[in-house]
Amino acid sequence: MIIRGASALLLGATLAVGLLTSARAAVAFSCLVSATSIVFGVYNPLNTAPTQSSGTWTVTCTATGSGSATVSGTLSLSTGLSGSFFPRKMVAGANTLAYNVYTSATDAQIMGDGTGGTSLLSQSGTVSSGQQYVISATMYGNLPPLQDVAPGSYFDSLILTVAY
C-alpha cells in the first residue's frame, strides 16, 4: 500500500457587520468570527472509501447600548484556489486534489455562496443589550477516493464571509 501526501484546508475569516434594528433601539454590536481548519491528514489514493474530516465556524456578537435589535446573518464560503464550488481543489505545486465542503455529514449540500446549487447558511434572532448572539456549526470535508495524485502537501484557502 502506498500512502502519499498530507492535505489540509485552511480557512480565513472575514466579517461584514450591519444591523436591522427598530427606531427605538440603540444597540451596537461587536462581533468575532473564528473557524478551525479541516485537516484531512494522509491521503491514500488506493483507498476505495472517501476521506472525511470536519472543522467548525463560530460567530459571536456582543450587544451593547440599550434596547434590543433583530439581527439577521448569512454565512458564505468561497470557491478557494480552484475558482469553482464543484469540485473545489487543493494544490501542491502543479498537482491538484479534488475535495469539497458540505453543510452536513451526509454530503447533501455544498457550502458556498448560494449560486450554482450551493448553500448559504442564514440565521436571525433578537438580542438585548448585554447579551451575546452566537452562531456555530460544523463544516464537513470530503475527499473522493481513488484520485491518482503525486505525493505532496496539498492545501486550499477558503474565505468564510458572515454578513449581518
Protein backbone atom coordinates (compact mmCIF):
# COMPACT_ATOMS: atom_id res chain seq x y z
CA MET A 1 0.00 0.00 0.00
CA ILE A 2 1.31 3.42 -0.92
CA ILE A 3 0.43 6.43 1.19
CA ARG A 4 1.03 9.79 -0.41
CA GLY A 5 0.97 13.33 0.86
CA ALA A 6 -0.87 15.16 3.57
CA SER A 7 -3.65 17.59 2.95
CA ALA A 8 -5.24 20.42 4.86
CA LEU A 9 -7.89 23.01 4.23
CA LEU A 10 -7.07 26.42 5.63
CA LEU A 11 -9.86 28.83 6.43
CA GLY A 12 -9.63 32.57 6.67
CA ALA A 13 -12.49 34.51 8.17
CA THR A 14 -13.86 37.92 7.26
CA LEU A 15 -16.76 39.82 8.74
CA ALA A 16 -19.14 42.42 7.41
CA VAL A 17 -21.36 43.96 10.08
CA GLY A 18 -24.64 45.85 9.79
CA LEU A 19 -27.86 45.79 11.80
CA LEU A 20 -31.59 45.58 11.38
CA THR A 21 -32.93 47.48 14.39
CA SER A 22 -36.10 49.26 15.37
CA ALA A 23 -36.06 53.07 15.64
CA ARG A 24 -36.27 52.88 19.46
CA ALA A 25 -33.27 50.59 19.84
CA ALA A 26 -29.81 51.98 20.46
CA VAL A 27 -27.90 48.72 20.26
CA ALA A 28 -24.42 48.29 18.82
CA PHE A 29 -22.63 45.01 18.16
CA SER A 30 -19.05 43.89 18.20
CA CYS A 31 -18.54 40.53 16.52
CA LEU A 32 -15.81 37.90 16.44
CA VAL A 33 -15.61 35.28 13.67
CA SER A 34 -13.49 32.17 14.12
CA ALA A 35 -13.03 28.94 12.20
CA THR A 36 -10.97 25.79 12.55
CA SER A 37 -9.28 24.17 9.57
CA ILE A 38 -10.50 20.97 8.00
CA VAL A 39 -7.45 18.71 8.11
CA PHE A 40 -7.65 15.52 6.09
CA GLY A 41 -4.31 14.04 7.18
CA VAL A 42 -2.57 11.50 4.96
CA TYR A 43 -4.49 10.58 1.81
CA ASN A 44 -4.26 7.02 0.47
CA PRO A 45 -5.07 7.06 -3.28
CA LEU A 46 -5.78 3.30 -3.18
CA ASN A 47 -8.48 3.57 -0.52
CA THR A 48 -11.96 2.95 -2.00
CA ALA A 49 -13.74 4.97 0.69
CA PRO A 50 -13.75 8.78 0.80
CA THR A 51 -11.52 10.55 3.30
CA GLN A 52 -13.61 12.69 5.62
CA SER A 53 -12.87 15.36 8.19
CA SER A 54 -14.58 18.35 9.74
CA GLY A 55 -13.97 21.85 11.05
CA THR A 56 -16.10 24.41 12.81
CA TRP A 57 -17.01 28.06 12.48
CA THR A 58 -18.40 30.37 15.13
CA VAL A 59 -19.69 33.95 15.10
CA THR A 60 -20.11 35.65 18.48
CA CYS A 61 -21.69 39.11 18.58
CA THR A 62 -21.95 41.08 21.83
CA ALA A 63 -24.68 43.72 22.10
CA THR A 64 -24.03 46.99 23.94
CA GLY A 65 -26.14 50.11 24.47
CA SER A 66 -29.81 49.99 25.35
CA GLY A 67 -32.85 48.23 23.96
CA SER A 68 -32.90 45.23 21.65
CA ALA A 69 -32.42 44.54 17.96
CA THR A 70 -33.26 41.82 15.48
CA VAL A 71 -30.10 40.57 13.83
CA SER A 72 -30.12 38.59 10.57
CA GLY A 73 -26.95 36.96 9.30
CA THR A 74 -25.82 34.98 6.27
CA LEU A 75 -22.70 32.86 6.01
CA SER A 76 -21.00 32.00 2.73
CA LEU A 77 -17.85 30.07 1.81
CA SER A 78 -15.63 30.95 -1.17
CA THR A 79 -14.53 28.67 -4.01
CA GLY A 80 -10.91 28.67 -2.87
CA LEU A 81 -7.95 28.42 -5.22
CA SER A 82 -9.86 26.38 -7.83
CA GLY A 83 -12.37 29.16 -8.55
CA SER A 84 -15.13 26.53 -8.60
CA PHE A 85 -17.52 25.13 -6.00
CA PHE A 86 -17.64 21.69 -7.60
CA PRO A 87 -15.16 20.39 -7.25
CA ARG A 88 -13.00 22.54 -5.03
CA LYS A 89 -9.34 21.62 -5.42
CA MET A 90 -6.35 21.60 -3.14
CA VAL A 91 -2.97 22.21 -4.73
CA ALA A 92 0.60 21.05 -4.26
CA GLY A 93 2.65 22.87 -6.88
CA ALA A 94 1.09 21.97 -10.25
CA ASN A 95 -0.80 18.98 -8.77
CA THR A 96 -4.43 19.12 -7.63
CA LEU A 97 -6.62 17.01 -5.33
CA ALA A 98 -10.43 17.34 -5.59
CA TYR A 99 -12.49 17.77 -2.41
CA ASN A 100 -15.50 19.63 -1.12
CA VAL A 101 -17.10 21.13 1.98
CA TYR A 102 -20.67 20.31 2.95
CA THR A 103 -23.28 21.58 5.41
CA SER A 104 -23.90 18.08 6.83
CA ALA A 105 -22.14 14.75 7.27
CA THR A 106 -24.38 13.25 4.55
CA ASP A 107 -22.64 15.45 1.92
CA ALA A 108 -26.04 16.51 0.54
CA GLN A 109 -25.45 20.27 0.22
CA ILE A 110 -22.20 22.00 -0.80
CA MET A 111 -21.35 25.09 1.28
CA GLY A 112 -20.96 28.10 -0.98
CA ASP A 113 -22.48 31.48 -1.77
CA GLY A 114 -25.95 30.34 -2.88
CA THR A 115 -25.07 30.11 -6.59
CA GLY A 116 -24.63 27.00 -8.73
CA GLY A 117 -26.64 24.82 -6.35
CA THR A 118 -24.55 25.70 -3.30
CA SER A 119 -25.99 26.53 0.08
CA LEU A 120 -25.87 29.74 2.09
CA LEU A 121 -26.46 29.43 5.81
CA SER A 122 -28.79 32.03 7.38
CA GLN A 123 -29.99 32.73 10.89
CA SER A 124 -31.70 35.54 12.78
CA GLY A 125 -32.58 36.38 16.36
CA THR A 126 -33.41 39.21 18.73
CA VAL A 127 -30.66 40.33 21.08
CA SER A 128 -30.85 42.75 24.00
CA SER A 129 -28.07 44.92 25.34
CA GLY A 130 -25.58 42.91 27.38
CA GLN A 131 -26.40 39.64 25.60
CA GLN A 132 -24.41 37.62 23.09
CA TYR A 133 -25.67 36.25 19.80
CA VAL A 134 -23.77 33.07 18.89
CA ILE A 135 -23.94 31.06 15.68
CA SER A 136 -21.83 27.93 15.46
CA ALA A 137 -21.82 24.95 13.12
CA THR A 138 -19.68 22.17 11.70
CA MET A 139 -18.30 22.10 8.15
CA TYR A 140 -17.87 18.61 6.69
CA GLY A 141 -14.97 17.95 4.31
CA ASN A 142 -14.96 15.06 1.83
CA LEU A 143 -12.05 13.91 -0.35
CA PRO A 144 -13.31 11.45 -3.01
CA PRO A 145 -11.46 8.12 -3.23
CA LEU A 146 -9.14 6.76 -5.91
CA GLN A 147 -7.55 10.04 -7.02
CA ASP A 148 -4.15 9.28 -8.54
CA VAL A 149 -2.11 12.19 -7.23
CA ALA A 150 1.58 12.84 -6.68
CA PRO A 151 2.94 12.94 -3.12
CA GLY A 152 2.95 16.39 -1.54
CA SER A 153 1.35 18.72 0.96
CA TYR A 154 -1.94 19.78 -0.60
CA PHE A 155 -3.81 22.86 0.60
CA ASP A 156 -6.55 25.29 -0.26
CA SER A 157 -7.57 28.58 1.31
CA LEU A 158 -11.26 29.44 1.64
CA ILE A 159 -12.80 32.68 2.84
CA LEU A 160 -15.69 32.42 5.27
CA THR A 161 -17.86 35.55 5.00
CA VAL A 162 -20.52 36.47 7.50
CA ALA A 163 -22.82 39.37 6.57
CA TYR A 164 -25.09 40.91 9.23
